[in-house]
Amino acid sequence: MSQIAINTSQNVEINFTIANIGERILAFLVDRLLQIAYLVAVFYVLFKVINMQQVFGTWDSWSKGAFLIVVTFPVYVYTLVCESLMEGQTFGKKLLKIKVVKIDGYQASFGDYLIRWLFRLVDIYITFLIGLITVMISKNHQRFGDMASGTAVISLKNKVNISHTIIENLNQDYVPLFPQVILLTDNDMRIIKENYLKAIKSGDRQIISRLASKIKEIIKAETDPTKITEKQFIGRVIKDYNYFTGREQ
C-alpha cells in the first residue's frame, strides 16, 4: 500500500498509509446514502405529514426555489460541516476508517476543508472521471481539492496496541521528575512515543537526539548528561506525562 511521509510540528517524520481509491469511493457512497435518506425524510414530512403541497400552490417560483434551497442546504454543506467538526472525517470516512490530514504535519483548518469542499464541484460533480483518474495517478492519491489545500486522505486501520499509545504502566511508588510535561498535549505525547519506539527499534540515535532536544525546548527542562541519557530522558517524560494526567490502562 502507498504511504506518505508527514513531517510533524515536532519536526519528526512519520509514515502513514494512504487511503486507497476503493475506500474513498465507499466512504463517498455511504455519505451519499445518508444525504439521500435525509432528503427522503424531509420531503416525506413536508408533503405527506404536513401537506406542504397546498402551501406551495400559493407561492411564486422564486419563493418555491428559495424554500427548496433552504431545505436541501444541509446536503450541500454536509461534507464541509462534518470534516470541520469531526477533524477531517465524515460519517462515511469514519465508517471506512479514513481521514483528511495536512501533509505538512499541522492540523487541517476550516479554510483547508473549505477549499476541498469548493473543489468537489470540479473533482466530483462536473468531471468525476478526471477526479478519479487524478486520485489514481497522483503521487499521494490526491484529487485537485487535496492538492489545492495541501491535504491527503490517510487510512487509520493500522493495528494499535498498548506500546503504540501514550499509556504507560507505572508502579505505585513511581516518583516523577518533570512536572513541566503538562505543557504537552495528548497528540504531542502520541507522536513522541511513536517515534521514540521507532527510533529504539531501528537504533536511530539522531531521532532520539532530536526528540529530546524538542521536548527540552517545549517544557524548559534541563538534564545532567552524566546522570541521565537522552533515551532515558524521553522515557521518563512519557511516564511523567502519564503520572500527571492520571492515565490508567
Foldseek 3Di string as FASTA:
>chain_A
DDWAWAQAPLRDTDIFAFDDLVLVVQLVVVLVVVLVVLVVVVVCCCCPVVNVVVVVVVDDPVVVVVVVCVSSVCSLCQQLVQCQVVQADHPSCVVSQKGKQARNRDRQHSVLSVLLSVCCCVCPVPCVVQQSVCLVPDNQSDGPSCVVSRMGMGGPPDDDDPQQALDDDDDPPDDADQPLLVLDDRVLSSVLSNQLVVCVVVVPVVSLVSSLVSVCVRSVDDDDCVPAPSNRVSVRSSVSVCVVVVDDD
